Protein backbone atom coordinates (compact mmCIF):
# COMPACT_ATOMS: atom_id res chain seq x y z
CA MET A 1 -13.47 -31.32 67.39
CA ALA A 2 -15.60 -30.66 66.06
CA MET A 3 -15.76 -31.58 61.67
CA ASP A 4 -15.19 -27.92 60.37
CA GLU A 5 -12.07 -28.00 62.42
CA TRP A 6 -10.83 -30.82 62.16
CA LEU A 7 -11.21 -30.70 58.00
CA ARG A 8 -9.44 -27.00 58.92
CA THR A 9 -6.66 -28.84 60.42
CA TYR A 10 -6.52 -31.76 57.76
CA LEU A 11 -6.31 -29.64 54.70
CA GLY A 12 -3.83 -27.28 56.53
CA THR A 13 -1.38 -29.99 57.03
CA HIS A 14 -1.87 -31.09 53.32
CA ARG A 15 -1.53 -27.71 51.97
CA SER A 16 1.99 -28.08 50.58
CA GLN A 17 0.69 -31.31 48.88
CA MET A 18 -2.09 -29.56 47.59
CA PHE A 19 0.71 -27.30 45.56
CA ASP A 20 2.79 -30.14 44.76
CA LEU A 21 0.03 -32.08 42.61
CA LEU A 22 -1.18 -28.60 41.02
CA ARG A 23 2.13 -27.87 39.65
CA GLN A 24 2.09 -31.56 38.79
CA LEU A 25 -1.07 -31.64 36.70
CA VAL A 26 -0.07 -28.16 35.54
CA CYS A 27 2.96 -28.89 34.20
CA ILE A 28 1.40 -31.97 32.03
CA ASN A 29 0.15 -30.32 29.09
CA SER A 30 -3.98 -31.72 28.32
CA GLY A 31 -5.01 -29.31 24.90
CA SER A 32 -8.43 -31.17 24.62
CA HIS A 33 -6.87 -32.27 21.66
CA ASN A 34 -4.16 -34.09 23.13
CA LYS A 35 -4.72 -37.02 24.01
CA PRO A 36 -1.65 -38.36 25.49
CA GLY A 37 -1.01 -35.86 28.05
CA VAL A 38 -5.08 -35.85 28.64
CA ASP A 39 -4.58 -39.23 30.14
CA ALA A 40 -1.22 -38.87 31.59
CA VAL A 41 -3.45 -36.03 33.96
CA GLY A 42 -6.06 -39.08 34.56
CA ARG A 43 -3.22 -41.29 35.57
CA VAL A 44 -1.67 -38.64 38.22
CA ILE A 45 -5.31 -38.36 39.23
CA ALA A 46 -6.13 -41.85 39.59
CA ASN A 47 -2.56 -42.27 41.50
CA ALA A 48 -3.56 -39.23 43.91
CA LEU A 49 -6.61 -40.91 44.86
CA ALA A 50 -5.15 -44.67 45.04
CA ASP A 51 -5.59 -44.23 49.12
CA CYS A 52 -8.98 -43.39 48.89
CA ASP A 53 -12.16 -46.16 49.44
CA LEU A 54 -13.35 -45.38 45.86
CA THR A 55 -13.57 -47.33 42.88
CA LEU A 56 -12.58 -46.22 39.64
CA ASP A 57 -14.11 -46.57 35.95
CA VAL A 58 -11.50 -45.72 33.13
CA ILE A 59 -13.65 -44.79 30.15
CA GLU A 60 -12.36 -45.66 26.87
CA ILE A 61 -12.44 -43.56 23.93
CA LYS A 62 -10.84 -41.46 21.19
CA PRO A 63 -9.77 -39.59 20.06
CA VAL A 64 -9.69 -37.16 22.89
CA GLY A 65 -8.51 -38.73 26.72
CA ASN A 66 -9.84 -41.19 28.75
CA PRO A 67 -13.10 -39.97 31.09
CA LEU A 68 -12.71 -40.69 34.44
CA VAL A 69 -15.60 -41.59 37.25
CA PHE A 70 -14.78 -42.39 40.33
CA ARG A 71 -17.23 -43.49 43.19
CA THR A 72 -18.02 -44.26 46.58
CA PRO A 73 -18.57 -47.63 48.44
CA CYS A 74 -21.57 -45.82 49.28
CA PRO A 75 -25.04 -47.28 47.34
CA PRO A 76 -27.80 -44.18 46.31
CA THR A 77 -30.41 -43.74 48.33
CA GLU A 78 -33.68 -43.30 46.95
CA THR A 79 -33.21 -39.54 46.74
CA GLY A 80 -29.67 -40.22 44.96
CA GLN A 81 -26.21 -39.93 45.05
CA VAL A 82 -24.21 -36.34 45.18
CA LEU A 83 -22.54 -35.63 42.11
CA LEU A 84 -18.98 -33.44 41.29
CA VAL A 85 -17.96 -32.71 37.97
CA GLY A 86 -14.21 -31.51 36.42
CA HIS A 87 -12.33 -31.20 33.55
CA MET A 88 -9.05 -32.29 32.98
CA ASP A 89 -8.65 -30.74 29.81
CA THR A 90 -7.29 -27.23 28.74
CA VAL A 91 -7.39 -24.46 25.96
CA PHE A 92 -3.50 -24.86 25.37
CA PRO A 93 -2.43 -27.27 22.63
CA ALA A 94 0.81 -29.58 22.96
CA ASP A 95 2.80 -27.19 20.78
CA THR A 96 2.00 -23.90 23.12
CA ASP A 97 5.09 -21.73 24.49
CA PHE A 98 2.89 -21.32 27.93
CA ARG A 99 3.46 -24.77 29.43
CA ASN A 100 5.22 -24.17 33.41
CA TYR A 101 4.57 -23.21 36.75
CA ARG A 102 5.63 -20.88 38.76
CA GLU A 103 4.46 -19.41 42.09
CA ASP A 104 4.84 -15.99 43.71
CA ALA A 105 3.50 -15.18 47.53
CA ASP A 106 0.18 -14.40 46.49
CA ARG A 107 -0.46 -15.79 43.03
CA ALA A 108 0.20 -19.65 40.58
CA TYR A 109 0.63 -18.80 37.01
CA GLY A 110 0.57 -21.37 34.39
CA PRO A 111 -1.60 -23.33 32.26
CA GLY A 112 -5.44 -24.65 33.27
CA VAL A 113 -3.92 -23.33 36.87
CA ILE A 114 -7.90 -22.42 37.37
CA ASP A 115 -9.34 -23.78 34.37
CA MET A 116 -9.46 -26.13 35.57
CA LYS A 117 -6.61 -28.15 37.53
CA GLY A 118 -6.98 -25.92 40.42
CA GLY A 119 -10.63 -27.23 40.74
CA LEU A 120 -9.15 -30.88 40.11
CA VAL A 121 -6.94 -30.64 43.45
CA ALA A 122 -9.70 -28.77 45.14
CA GLY A 123 -11.99 -31.82 44.70
CA ILE A 124 -9.28 -34.49 45.14
CA PHE A 125 -7.63 -32.84 48.58
CA ALA A 126 -12.15 -33.04 49.46
CA LEU A 127 -12.35 -36.39 49.22
CA LYS A 128 -9.24 -37.34 50.49
CA ALA A 129 -10.29 -35.38 54.05
CA LEU A 130 -13.58 -37.26 53.91
CA SER A 131 -11.91 -40.72 52.94
CA GLU A 132 -9.60 -40.23 56.03
CA ALA A 133 -12.38 -39.15 58.24
CA ASN A 134 -14.18 -42.62 56.97
CA LEU A 135 -17.08 -40.39 55.80
CA LEU A 136 -16.97 -41.77 52.25
CA GLN A 137 -19.10 -45.12 53.23
CA ARG A 138 -22.15 -42.93 54.11
CA LEU A 139 -21.85 -40.59 51.21
CA PRO A 140 -23.27 -41.86 48.00
CA LEU A 141 -21.13 -39.79 45.79
CA SER A 142 -19.50 -39.61 41.94
CA PHE A 143 -17.05 -37.35 41.06
CA VAL A 144 -17.07 -37.67 37.14
CA LEU A 145 -13.39 -36.14 35.17
CA ASN A 146 -14.53 -35.04 31.47
CA SER A 147 -11.53 -34.85 29.26
CA ASP A 148 -13.06 -32.54 26.31
CA GLU A 149 -14.80 -30.00 28.12
CA GLU A 150 -13.15 -27.42 26.29
CA ILE A 151 -14.25 -28.26 23.25
CA GLY A 152 -18.20 -28.72 24.04
CA SER A 153 -18.12 -32.11 26.02
CA LYS A 154 -18.98 -34.07 23.02
CA GLN A 155 -17.60 -37.25 24.18
CA SER A 156 -18.62 -36.58 27.66
CA LYS A 157 -22.01 -34.94 27.89
CA ALA A 158 -24.17 -38.22 27.42
CA LEU A 159 -21.94 -39.63 30.78
CA ILE A 160 -22.69 -36.30 32.68
CA ARG A 161 -26.41 -36.20 31.76
CA ARG A 162 -26.84 -39.80 32.98
CA GLU A 163 -24.68 -39.15 36.50
CA ALA A 164 -26.74 -36.52 36.80
CA GLU A 165 -29.95 -38.33 36.62
CA LYS A 166 -29.03 -40.70 39.58
CA SER A 167 -28.14 -37.17 41.57
CA VAL A 168 -29.65 -35.35 43.91
CA CYS A 169 -27.50 -32.34 43.55
CA ALA A 170 -24.51 -31.88 41.91
CA PHE A 171 -21.49 -29.38 42.11
CA VAL A 172 -19.29 -28.14 39.40
CA LEU A 173 -15.28 -26.91 40.28
CA GLU A 174 -14.88 -24.77 37.47
CA GLY A 175 -12.87 -21.46 38.82
CA GLY A 176 -14.59 -18.36 41.80
CA GLY A 177 -14.91 -15.49 40.40
CA LEU A 178 -12.64 -12.76 41.83
CA ASN A 179 -15.49 -11.24 44.25
CA GLY A 180 -16.22 -15.08 45.75
CA GLU A 181 -18.84 -15.60 43.38
CA VAL A 182 -20.75 -19.33 43.15
CA VAL A 183 -22.76 -19.82 39.70
CA THR A 184 -26.05 -20.62 40.20
CA GLY A 185 -26.78 -20.23 37.35
CA ARG A 186 -25.24 -19.63 33.06
CA LYS A 187 -26.58 -18.95 29.41
CA GLY A 188 -26.62 -21.46 27.04
CA ASN A 189 -24.55 -21.22 23.70
CA LEU A 190 -24.57 -22.43 20.44
CA SER A 191 -20.93 -22.76 17.59
CA ALA A 192 -21.75 -22.15 13.95
CA ARG A 193 -19.67 -22.71 10.73
CA LEU A 194 -21.12 -20.57 8.25
CA THR A 195 -19.79 -21.32 4.59
CA VAL A 196 -20.59 -19.01 1.75
CA ALA A 197 -19.48 -20.08 -2.34
CA GLY A 198 -18.92 -17.78 -4.73
CA ARG A 199 -17.75 -17.54 -7.94
CA ALA A 200 -13.73 -17.10 -8.44
CA GLY A 201 -12.22 -14.82 -11.13
CA HIS A 202 -9.71 -12.06 -11.77
CA ALA A 203 -10.46 -8.71 -9.65
CA ALA A 204 -9.14 -6.55 -12.74
CA PHE A 205 -12.23 -8.51 -14.95
CA ALA A 206 -14.72 -8.64 -12.65
CA GLY A 207 -17.76 -6.75 -13.20
CA PRO A 208 -20.80 -5.92 -11.21
CA ASP A 209 -22.58 -9.23 -11.71
CA LYS A 210 -19.16 -10.65 -9.92
CA THR A 211 -20.15 -13.20 -7.38
CA SER A 212 -17.81 -13.05 -4.37
CA ALA A 213 -18.10 -14.93 -1.72
CA ILE A 214 -16.73 -11.82 0.60
CA VAL A 215 -19.30 -9.56 -0.52
CA GLU A 216 -21.95 -12.66 0.54
CA MET A 217 -20.53 -13.01 3.61
CA ALA A 218 -20.13 -9.56 4.52
CA HIS A 219 -24.04 -9.39 3.72
CA LYS A 220 -24.49 -12.03 6.22
CA ILE A 221 -22.34 -10.49 9.14
CA LEU A 222 -24.49 -7.80 9.37
CA ALA A 223 -27.53 -10.18 9.63
CA ILE A 224 -26.32 -12.55 12.29
CA GLU A 225 -24.95 -8.74 14.41
CA ALA A 226 -28.48 -7.86 14.36
CA LEU A 227 -29.39 -10.45 16.29
CA ASN A 228 -27.58 -9.03 19.52
CA ASP A 229 -30.29 -8.37 21.55
CA PHE A 230 -28.19 -6.91 24.94
CA SER A 231 -32.18 -6.24 27.09
CA ALA A 232 -32.58 -10.39 26.43
CA GLY A 233 -29.65 -11.12 26.96
CA ILE A 234 -29.21 -12.68 23.41
CA LEU A 235 -25.48 -12.32 22.12
CA ALA A 236 -24.03 -12.75 18.47
CA ASN A 237 -20.24 -13.15 17.11
CA ALA A 238 -18.96 -13.48 13.97
CA GLY A 239 -15.33 -14.44 15.82
CA THR A 240 -12.83 -15.57 13.06
CA VAL A 241 -13.99 -15.19 9.15
CA THR A 242 -11.41 -16.35 6.38
CA GLY A 243 -11.79 -16.02 2.67
CA GLY A 244 -10.02 -15.40 -0.48
CA ILE A 245 -6.05 -15.96 -1.53
CA GLY A 246 -5.02 -13.05 -2.90
CA PRO A 247 -6.19 -8.55 -3.10
CA ASN A 248 -6.66 -9.22 -7.18
CA THR A 249 -9.33 -11.94 -6.82
CA VAL A 250 -12.85 -12.97 -6.70
CA ALA A 251 -13.20 -14.85 -3.69
CA GLU A 252 -14.60 -18.50 -4.20
CA ARG A 253 -14.90 -19.03 -0.65
CA ALA A 254 -15.19 -17.35 3.30
CA GLU A 255 -15.63 -18.97 5.98
CA ALA A 256 -17.15 -17.04 9.53
CA LEU A 257 -17.19 -19.26 12.76
CA LEU A 258 -20.22 -17.57 15.06
CA ASP A 259 -21.02 -17.98 18.80
CA PHE A 260 -24.39 -17.10 20.23
CA ARG A 261 -25.51 -16.98 24.54
CA PHE A 262 -28.63 -17.17 25.20
CA VAL A 263 -31.10 -16.89 28.47
CA GLN A 264 -34.61 -19.12 28.24
CA PRO A 265 -34.22 -22.35 26.41
CA GLU A 266 -36.70 -21.06 23.45
CA ASP A 267 -33.72 -18.28 22.28
CA GLU A 268 -32.45 -21.21 20.65
CA ASP A 269 -34.68 -22.35 18.66
CA ARG A 270 -35.41 -19.03 17.51
CA LEU A 271 -32.21 -18.16 16.81
CA LYS A 272 -31.45 -21.79 14.65
CA THR A 273 -34.14 -20.19 12.44
CA LYS A 274 -33.15 -17.14 12.47
CA LEU A 275 -29.80 -18.09 11.29
CA SER A 276 -31.38 -20.23 8.34
CA GLN A 277 -32.96 -17.65 6.84
CA ILE A 278 -30.06 -15.38 7.16
CA CYS A 279 -28.69 -18.61 5.11
CA ALA A 280 -31.11 -19.24 2.42
CA GLN A 281 -31.83 -15.34 1.79
CA ILE A 282 -28.74 -14.58 -0.86
CA MET A 283 -27.91 -11.33 -1.80
CA VAL A 284 -25.33 -11.88 -3.96
CA PRO A 285 -26.31 -13.19 -7.29
CA GLY A 286 -25.09 -16.83 -7.86
CA ALA A 287 -23.71 -17.62 -3.87
CA ALA A 288 -24.62 -20.08 -1.97
CA ALA A 289 -24.06 -20.78 1.86
CA GLU A 290 -24.13 -23.41 4.50
CA LEU A 291 -24.73 -23.57 8.01
CA GLU A 292 -23.46 -25.92 10.55
CA ILE A 293 -23.74 -25.87 14.04
CA VAL A 294 -20.96 -27.27 15.64
CA SER A 295 -21.48 -27.60 19.62
CA GLY A 296 -23.70 -26.53 21.77
CA ARG A 297 -24.88 -26.21 25.33
CA PRO A 298 -28.19 -25.23 27.27
CA PRO A 299 -28.68 -22.73 29.31
CA MET A 300 -28.47 -23.37 33.01
CA PRO A 301 -31.49 -21.43 34.72
CA GLY A 302 -30.76 -19.91 38.04
CA SER A 303 -33.62 -21.72 39.21
CA GLU A 304 -35.61 -22.16 42.75
CA ALA A 305 -33.55 -25.59 43.52
CA ASN A 306 -30.37 -24.09 42.58
CA GLN A 307 -31.31 -21.37 44.82
CA ALA A 308 -32.16 -23.08 47.48
CA LEU A 309 -28.92 -25.39 46.93
CA TYR A 310 -26.64 -21.86 47.50
CA ASP A 311 -28.52 -20.94 50.76
CA ARG A 312 -27.47 -24.55 52.25
CA VAL A 313 -23.64 -23.97 50.51
CA ASP A 314 -23.84 -19.82 51.88
CA ARG A 315 -24.60 -21.13 55.58
CA ILE A 316 -21.80 -23.27 55.64
CA ALA A 317 -19.33 -20.44 54.34
CA ASP A 318 -20.49 -18.41 56.40
CA ARG A 319 -20.10 -20.74 59.34
CA LEU A 320 -16.81 -21.22 57.93
CA GLY A 321 -15.91 -17.37 57.71
CA ILE A 322 -15.18 -17.57 53.76
CA ALA A 323 -17.49 -15.04 51.93
CA ILE A 324 -19.44 -16.29 48.97
CA ARG A 325 -21.75 -14.51 46.87
CA PRO A 326 -24.13 -15.64 43.77
CA GLU A 327 -23.20 -15.36 39.88
CA PHE A 328 -25.15 -15.54 37.07
CA ARG A 329 -22.06 -16.12 34.70
CA SER A 330 -22.57 -15.66 30.83
CA GLY A 331 -19.73 -18.79 29.84
CA VAL A 332 -21.01 -22.12 29.88
CA SER A 333 -19.53 -25.47 31.73
CA ASP A 334 -20.53 -29.06 31.98
CA ALA A 335 -23.00 -27.25 34.46
CA ASN A 336 -25.39 -26.61 31.73
CA PHE A 337 -25.85 -30.47 30.96
CA ILE A 338 -26.67 -31.04 34.62
CA ALA A 339 -29.46 -28.31 34.61
CA GLN A 340 -30.94 -29.38 31.79
CA THR A 341 -31.84 -32.70 33.42
CA GLY A 342 -33.81 -30.50 36.31
CA THR A 343 -30.78 -31.60 39.33
CA PRO A 344 -29.97 -28.51 41.20
CA VAL A 345 -26.39 -27.86 40.71
CA LEU A 346 -23.94 -25.47 41.73
CA ASP A 347 -20.75 -24.28 39.28
CA GLY A 348 -17.68 -21.84 40.86
CA LEU A 349 -16.73 -24.02 43.65
CA GLY A 350 -13.23 -24.24 42.64
CA PRO A 351 -10.35 -21.79 43.61
CA ILE A 352 -10.28 -17.76 42.38
CA GLY A 353 -8.39 -17.16 39.94
CA ALA A 354 -8.67 -15.11 36.44
CA GLY A 355 -6.98 -14.95 32.88
CA ASP A 356 -8.04 -18.33 32.23
CA HIS A 357 -7.64 -19.45 28.61
CA SER A 358 -4.61 -16.60 28.12
CA PRO A 359 -0.59 -17.01 29.30
CA GLU A 360 -1.91 -14.66 31.96
CA GLU A 361 -3.70 -17.60 33.91
CA TYR A 362 -3.19 -17.06 37.66
CA MET A 363 -4.87 -18.42 40.63
CA LEU A 364 -5.53 -17.06 44.18
CA LYS A 365 -3.38 -19.39 46.40
CA GLU A 366 -5.19 -18.99 49.82
CA SER A 367 -8.28 -19.68 47.57
CA LEU A 368 -7.09 -22.82 47.23
CA SER A 369 -7.21 -24.01 50.62
CA GLN A 370 -10.11 -21.62 51.24
CA ARG A 371 -12.74 -23.28 48.85
CA THR A 372 -11.30 -27.40 49.27
CA LEU A 373 -12.94 -26.32 52.76
CA LEU A 374 -15.65 -25.22 51.80
CA LEU A 375 -15.93 -28.15 49.30
CA ALA A 376 -14.94 -30.78 51.96
CA THR A 377 -17.68 -29.30 54.26
CA ILE A 378 -20.51 -29.02 52.19
CA LEU A 379 -19.78 -33.04 51.55
CA ALA A 380 -19.02 -34.25 55.24
CA ASP A 381 -22.69 -32.52 55.67
CA LEU A 382 -24.32 -33.95 52.70
CA SER A 383 -23.02 -37.35 54.66
CA GLY A 384 -24.39 -36.30 57.50
CA GLY A 385 -20.63 -36.66 59.00
CA GLU A 386 -20.24 -35.74 63.03
CA LYS A 387 -16.78 -35.35 64.14
CA PRO A 388 -14.19 -37.69 63.89
CA GLY A 389 -12.77 -40.22 66.92
CA PRO A 390 -9.19 -41.27 67.15
CA GLU A 391 -10.75 -45.30 65.76
CA ASP A 392 -11.72 -42.67 62.52
CA ILE A 393 -8.27 -41.13 62.02
CA GLY A 394 -5.39 -43.88 60.67
C-alpha cells in the first residue's frame, strides 16, 4: 500500500475519534483571557498526543494560558526543522452564551470550531498517523500551540520567532478558504488607542471656545479615515469610539480604538509617522491627544520561497485529489511573525469553514478529513517516508 493510501485509510478509520476530540475541545471555553480554560485545552491536547513519540514542554506564563511545544525525537538537520503552529485560544469570553457544539449532515458548529480548534485536530491526527507509521523518528519537527493569538500573541510571539529561526519551513493551521484557499501571503496590522482630553462643562453655557474632546476626536477620525489607500492595500478604521457622560455635557474625554492593515513593511513606519502627526495637530484649542500602539504584526509577503513551498504542497494535493488554490489574505495570524524571520511559511492548512468570531461559526465536516490527510502527507513527504511495513504498524 502506498503511503498516501495508507494515510487515507488510517485517517478514515479514525474519523469518529477526530470529531470526538473536536467536540471535546470546542466545549471547553478558551477565550484568550480565560487562562484555566486555555490550560484545560492544553491538557486535552497533551493527552491526545500522549501515545506518540513526542516530547512536551509546557511553558508556564501569566496571565494567559501556557503555550505548549511538542517535539519529535529526530534532531534538526543542517537545514533545520519543520514547524507547525496553532492556537488554543478563541475570541469568546468565559461568560459567552455561545458555548455548545453541534453537527448536521454537512457542518459542525461551535465556538472556535474553525478558528482554530478544527486546525488543532488536523495537526494532532496528522502527527498520530505519522507516529503510527514510525515516521516521527525521521522528521525533525516542532509543534507550537499558542495561547494568546487572538489578542496579538504578545506572550507567544518570541517563542514562535525562535522556533521559526530554526526551521526550514512552517505550516500554520488556521482555517482554509471556502474555495480551498491556502494562504501564501498576509497583510500586516497595527492596533492603536487614541485618547483625547478636553475640558468638562455644561452644554447650556458652552461658548465658541468650548474644549470638547469629542469634537477634537471627530477631526482626528476624519484624518485617520483619509489614510485609506485602497490601491496600495492600506486600510484604516476607527472601530470603537467612546466619550462624554451625557448629551448636556461638554466631553472631557474621548477614546478611539484603531485598526490598520498594510502590505509592505515600510508602510508600517509611514502609518506611525502620519498617526503621530495627526495626534500632534490640535484643531480644538485647549485639547490634547495621546496615541498608544497596542499591538501589531508585520506583513507576510507572498515571497518566492512561499510560492515554492506552495507549489510543492499543490503537487501533493493534486496527487491526493484535493483542490487548493493560493490566497493573499487581509487578516493576520502567527504566520506573520514566522515570515518576519525569512522562513518559508504557508497558512490556512486547517479545515474549511466560515463565520469565525461570530455565533454563526461553522466547519465543513468533510474538509477535516481532507485537510488532515493533506497535512499528514506533506509531513510524510518531508520525512522521506516510505510505505509502512507490517513491523511499522502496531
